[in-house]
Every structure is written in structure tokens, then in C-alpha cells.
Amino acid sequence: MKRLFLENKTGFAAFFPFVVYEPNGNIFYSSEFTDKIANGKKLTFNLPAGKFFLEGTLQKLDRPKRFKDIHLPKPERHIKRSKYRIVFGVNPNKCTIYYKAGIIVFDNAFKDAPLYVKYDIYFHELGHHFYKTEKLADLYAVKKMLDYGFNPSQIGRVKIVSLNSTSLERKKYIINKLK
């Protein structure tokens, strides 16, 4: 396995199967997140700044891949807070933000989750600084993740696995925004 240290969001291309791992061994991104390589096509994607391990071969692009821009509606509110302490505990809501205390409580089920899952949930909670509805907080998270260097297939994947079956409309809304 090769080390991959990225100081900035970076674009890559791949023609063959690959897996990018987090330092803890979780899969961060894989050619199996999409069927392009399996269908004989080139896959272009981004990785955010960070430390990773690579199994396979990637071609570094001159610049990050551009994805569809996500336009956010006018904010419905403005909650000011810039730093939160993240803790894990029993949380039947999966994740809750406590503005005044400056704490975000993730359910213990997410302690060992891949980073893209944690980032999505974190950005969703931050989206509530600006939006009251779950749907718009989801959209805020999508925009932030794309800006950081995550890929539509990661974002869609996290929505499918983290939202429950009663959230079908939210899932459809995000998947349609990513297309």
C-alpha cells in the first residue's frame, strides 16, 4: 500500500480498480462506489486534503474535478458559532447540535464510521445554522462536501445508508441534486 498525503483537494483519474483507505483502515473511497471502471470507462474524482493509503494506481490531475454546483437558497436564520466539541454517546436522533453549549453529540454507532459519513452528518448539523428543515440542511451538507473534495458517489452513499426508510423524500431530493 502506498501513502497518499494531500495538502489540498486534488483531482485524480483511474482506469483500474483501486481503494483509498483512511489511516484507521476504513475505506474512504473506492472504484466500487461507482460502476464506471467496471463498465470500462475512466473514473475522475477528487480526494479532500488528508492522509490516506492507496491500493492500486491513480493518475493525479492538474486540478480538481468540477462537479455540478449546488445552489443554496437564501438562509432562513443565522446562528453564530464557529467551533464545536464533538462527542460520542447514546443519541436516538443519530446526531444533535447544542448551540449554546458548543457540542455536537454523535450516536456511538458512528464512532467507527468512515470519515465521509461523519463529515456529512457534521455538515448537516452545521446546515441548521442557516436552515430550519432537514432537507435544506442536507443540501448544505452536500455543497460543503463537494467543496471539500468529496465525491457525489460518497455523498449519495451516505444518504442512502444513514437516513432511515421514512426519509425517502430526503434521499430522492439529494440524489436528484447530485445528478
Protein backbone atom coordinates (compact mmCIF):
# COMPACT_ATOMS: atom_id res chain seq x y z
CA MET A 1 0.00 0.00 0.00
CA LYS A 2 1.18 3.50 -0.85
CA ARG A 3 0.88 6.55 1.38
CA LEU A 4 -1.08 9.44 -0.04
CA PHE A 5 -0.72 12.80 1.72
CA LEU A 6 -2.80 15.61 0.22
CA GLU A 7 -2.49 19.22 1.35
CA ASN A 8 -5.44 20.36 -0.79
CA LYS A 9 -8.46 18.98 -2.59
CA THR A 10 -6.94 17.05 -5.50
CA GLY A 11 -8.35 15.55 -8.68
CA PHE A 12 -7.50 12.06 -9.86
CA ALA A 13 -8.25 9.69 -12.72
CA ALA A 14 -8.32 5.91 -12.57
CA PHE A 15 -8.60 3.25 -15.24
CA PHE A 16 -8.29 0.21 -12.97
CA PRO A 17 -9.85 -0.79 -9.64
CA PHE A 18 -8.47 0.96 -6.55
CA VAL A 19 -9.22 1.51 -2.88
CA VAL A 20 -8.33 4.57 -0.78
CA TYR A 21 -8.15 3.89 2.94
CA GLU A 22 -8.24 6.14 5.97
CA PRO A 23 -5.32 5.74 8.41
CA ASN A 24 -7.60 3.63 10.68
CA GLY A 25 -8.24 1.15 7.84
CA ASN A 26 -11.77 2.29 6.90
CA ILE A 27 -12.45 2.51 3.19
CA PHE A 28 -12.62 6.18 2.30
CA TYR A 29 -13.22 5.89 -1.45
CA SER A 30 -13.19 3.01 -3.89
CA SER A 31 -13.71 2.36 -7.57
CA GLU A 32 -16.61 0.19 -6.42
CA PHE A 33 -18.52 3.27 -5.23
CA THR A 34 -19.44 3.74 -8.90
CA ASP A 35 -19.66 1.38 -11.87
CA LYS A 36 -17.56 3.44 -14.32
CA ILE A 37 -14.40 1.31 -14.19
CA ALA A 38 -16.44 -1.89 -14.15
CA ASN A 39 -18.09 -0.64 -17.35
CA GLY A 40 -14.72 0.06 -18.99
CA LYS A 41 -14.78 3.84 -18.51
CA LYS A 42 -12.27 6.20 -16.91
CA LEU A 43 -13.23 7.45 -13.46
CA THR A 44 -12.34 11.02 -12.49
CA PHE A 45 -12.85 12.14 -8.90
CA ASN A 46 -11.50 14.22 -6.04
CA LEU A 47 -9.98 13.49 -2.69
CA PRO A 48 -10.01 16.11 0.07
CA ALA A 49 -6.92 17.20 1.96
CA GLY A 50 -5.80 14.48 4.34
CA LYS A 51 -3.71 11.38 4.93
CA PHE A 52 -4.71 8.22 3.11
CA PHE A 53 -3.37 4.88 1.94
CA LEU A 54 -3.82 3.72 -1.65
CA GLU A 55 -4.19 0.23 -3.02
CA GLY A 56 -3.96 0.50 -6.81
CA THR A 57 -2.85 3.22 -9.18
CA LEU A 58 -4.18 6.74 -9.65
CA GLN A 59 -3.26 9.48 -12.08
CA LYS A 60 -3.11 12.93 -10.48
CA LEU A 61 -4.98 15.60 -12.47
CA ASP A 62 -3.83 19.20 -12.96
CA ARG A 63 -6.78 20.44 -10.94
CA PRO A 64 -9.74 19.06 -9.00
CA LYS A 65 -12.68 17.72 -10.95
CA ARG A 66 -15.60 20.12 -11.16
CA PHE A 67 -18.97 18.74 -10.22
CA LYS A 68 -22.38 20.30 -10.62
CA ASP A 69 -22.56 23.42 -8.47
CA ILE A 70 -25.10 23.25 -5.68
CA HIS A 71 -27.03 26.49 -5.20
CA LEU A 72 -28.32 27.09 -1.71
CA PRO A 73 -31.47 29.11 -1.09
CA LYS A 74 -31.39 32.28 0.97
CA PRO A 75 -30.68 31.40 4.63
CA GLU A 76 -33.73 31.19 6.88
CA ARG A 77 -31.75 32.01 10.02
CA HIS A 78 -28.25 32.91 11.21
CA ILE A 79 -26.93 31.09 14.26
CA LYS A 80 -23.43 32.25 15.08
CA ARG A 81 -20.99 29.67 16.40
CA SER A 82 -17.77 28.57 14.80
CA LYS A 83 -16.34 25.79 16.96
CA TYR A 84 -17.95 22.71 18.40
CA ARG A 85 -16.65 19.95 20.58
CA ILE A 86 -17.64 16.62 19.07
CA VAL A 87 -18.57 13.83 21.46
CA PHE A 88 -19.97 10.35 21.03
CA GLY A 89 -22.71 8.94 23.23
CA VAL A 90 -26.17 7.43 23.21
CA ASN A 91 -28.24 9.55 20.83
CA PRO A 92 -31.51 8.18 19.41
CA ASN A 93 -31.52 11.09 16.89
CA LYS A 94 -28.17 9.93 15.42
CA CYS A 95 -26.68 13.39 15.88
CA THR A 96 -27.70 16.55 17.76
CA ILE A 97 -26.18 20.01 17.86
CA TYR A 98 -26.30 22.01 21.07
CA TYR A 99 -25.61 25.59 20.01
CA LYS A 100 -25.21 27.28 23.39
CA ALA A 101 -23.07 24.50 24.85
CA GLY A 102 -20.98 24.26 21.68
CA ILE A 103 -21.30 20.48 21.47
CA ILE A 104 -22.30 18.07 18.72
CA VAL A 105 -23.29 14.64 20.03
CA PHE A 106 -22.94 11.79 17.55
CA ASP A 107 -24.51 8.47 18.42
CA ASN A 108 -21.96 5.80 19.34
CA ALA A 109 -22.94 3.92 16.17
CA PHE A 110 -20.93 6.49 14.18
CA LYS A 111 -17.72 6.25 16.24
CA ASP A 112 -16.07 3.88 13.75
CA ALA A 113 -17.90 5.13 10.65
CA PRO A 114 -15.89 6.26 7.61
CA LEU A 115 -14.90 9.94 7.55
CA TYR A 116 -17.23 10.76 4.67
CA VAL A 117 -20.16 9.62 6.82
CA LYS A 118 -19.03 11.73 9.80
CA TYR A 119 -18.41 14.78 7.62
CA ASP A 120 -21.83 14.52 6.02
CA ILE A 121 -23.58 14.36 9.37
CA TYR A 122 -21.40 17.15 10.79
CA PHE A 123 -22.09 19.46 7.84
CA HIS A 124 -25.79 18.63 8.06
CA GLU A 125 -25.81 19.80 11.67
CA LEU A 126 -23.94 22.98 10.69
CA GLY A 127 -26.54 23.49 7.97
CA HIS A 128 -29.07 24.07 10.75
CA HIS A 129 -27.22 27.34 11.45
CA PHE A 130 -28.88 28.58 8.26
CA TYR A 131 -31.85 26.30 7.57
CA LYS A 132 -34.71 25.01 9.69
CA THR A 133 -35.66 22.00 7.57
CA GLU A 134 -33.83 18.69 7.33
CA LYS A 135 -33.97 18.83 3.53
CA LEU A 136 -32.12 22.15 3.32
CA ALA A 137 -29.62 21.13 5.99
CA ASP A 138 -28.97 18.05 3.79
CA LEU A 139 -28.43 20.31 0.78
CA TYR A 140 -26.00 22.47 2.77
CA ALA A 141 -24.04 19.32 3.68
CA VAL A 142 -23.89 18.26 0.02
CA LYS A 143 -22.48 21.63 -1.03
CA LYS A 144 -19.87 21.64 1.76
CA MET A 145 -18.78 18.09 0.99
CA LEU A 146 -18.33 18.82 -2.71
CA ASP A 147 -16.40 21.99 -1.81
CA TYR A 148 -14.08 19.97 0.46
CA GLY A 149 -13.37 17.35 -2.20
CA PHE A 150 -15.79 14.53 -1.52
CA ASN A 151 -17.50 12.88 -4.48
CA PRO A 152 -21.16 12.59 -5.44
CA SER A 153 -20.98 8.81 -5.09
CA GLN A 154 -19.75 9.16 -1.47
CA ILE A 155 -22.43 11.72 -0.69
CA GLY A 156 -25.22 9.67 -2.24
CA ARG A 157 -23.94 6.56 -0.49
CA VAL A 158 -24.01 8.21 2.93
CA LYS A 159 -27.56 9.49 2.43
CA ILE A 160 -28.77 6.05 1.43
CA VAL A 161 -27.20 4.30 4.44
CA SER A 162 -27.63 6.95 7.14
CA LEU A 163 -31.21 8.07 6.54
CA ASN A 164 -33.94 5.69 7.59
CA SER A 165 -36.75 4.34 5.40
CA THR A 166 -39.11 7.16 6.44
CA SER A 167 -36.72 9.64 4.81
CA LEU A 168 -37.30 8.50 1.22
CA GLU A 169 -38.18 12.02 0.02
CA ARG A 170 -34.95 13.42 1.50
CA LYS A 171 -32.94 10.68 -0.21
CA LYS A 172 -34.60 11.34 -3.58
CA TYR A 173 -34.11 15.09 -3.23
CA ILE A 174 -30.35 14.77 -2.65
CA ILE A 175 -29.80 12.11 -5.31
CA ASN A 176 -31.60 14.33 -7.85
CA LYS A 177 -29.44 17.33 -6.82
CA LEU A 178 -26.29 15.27 -7.40
CA LYS A 179 -27.28 14.17 -10.92
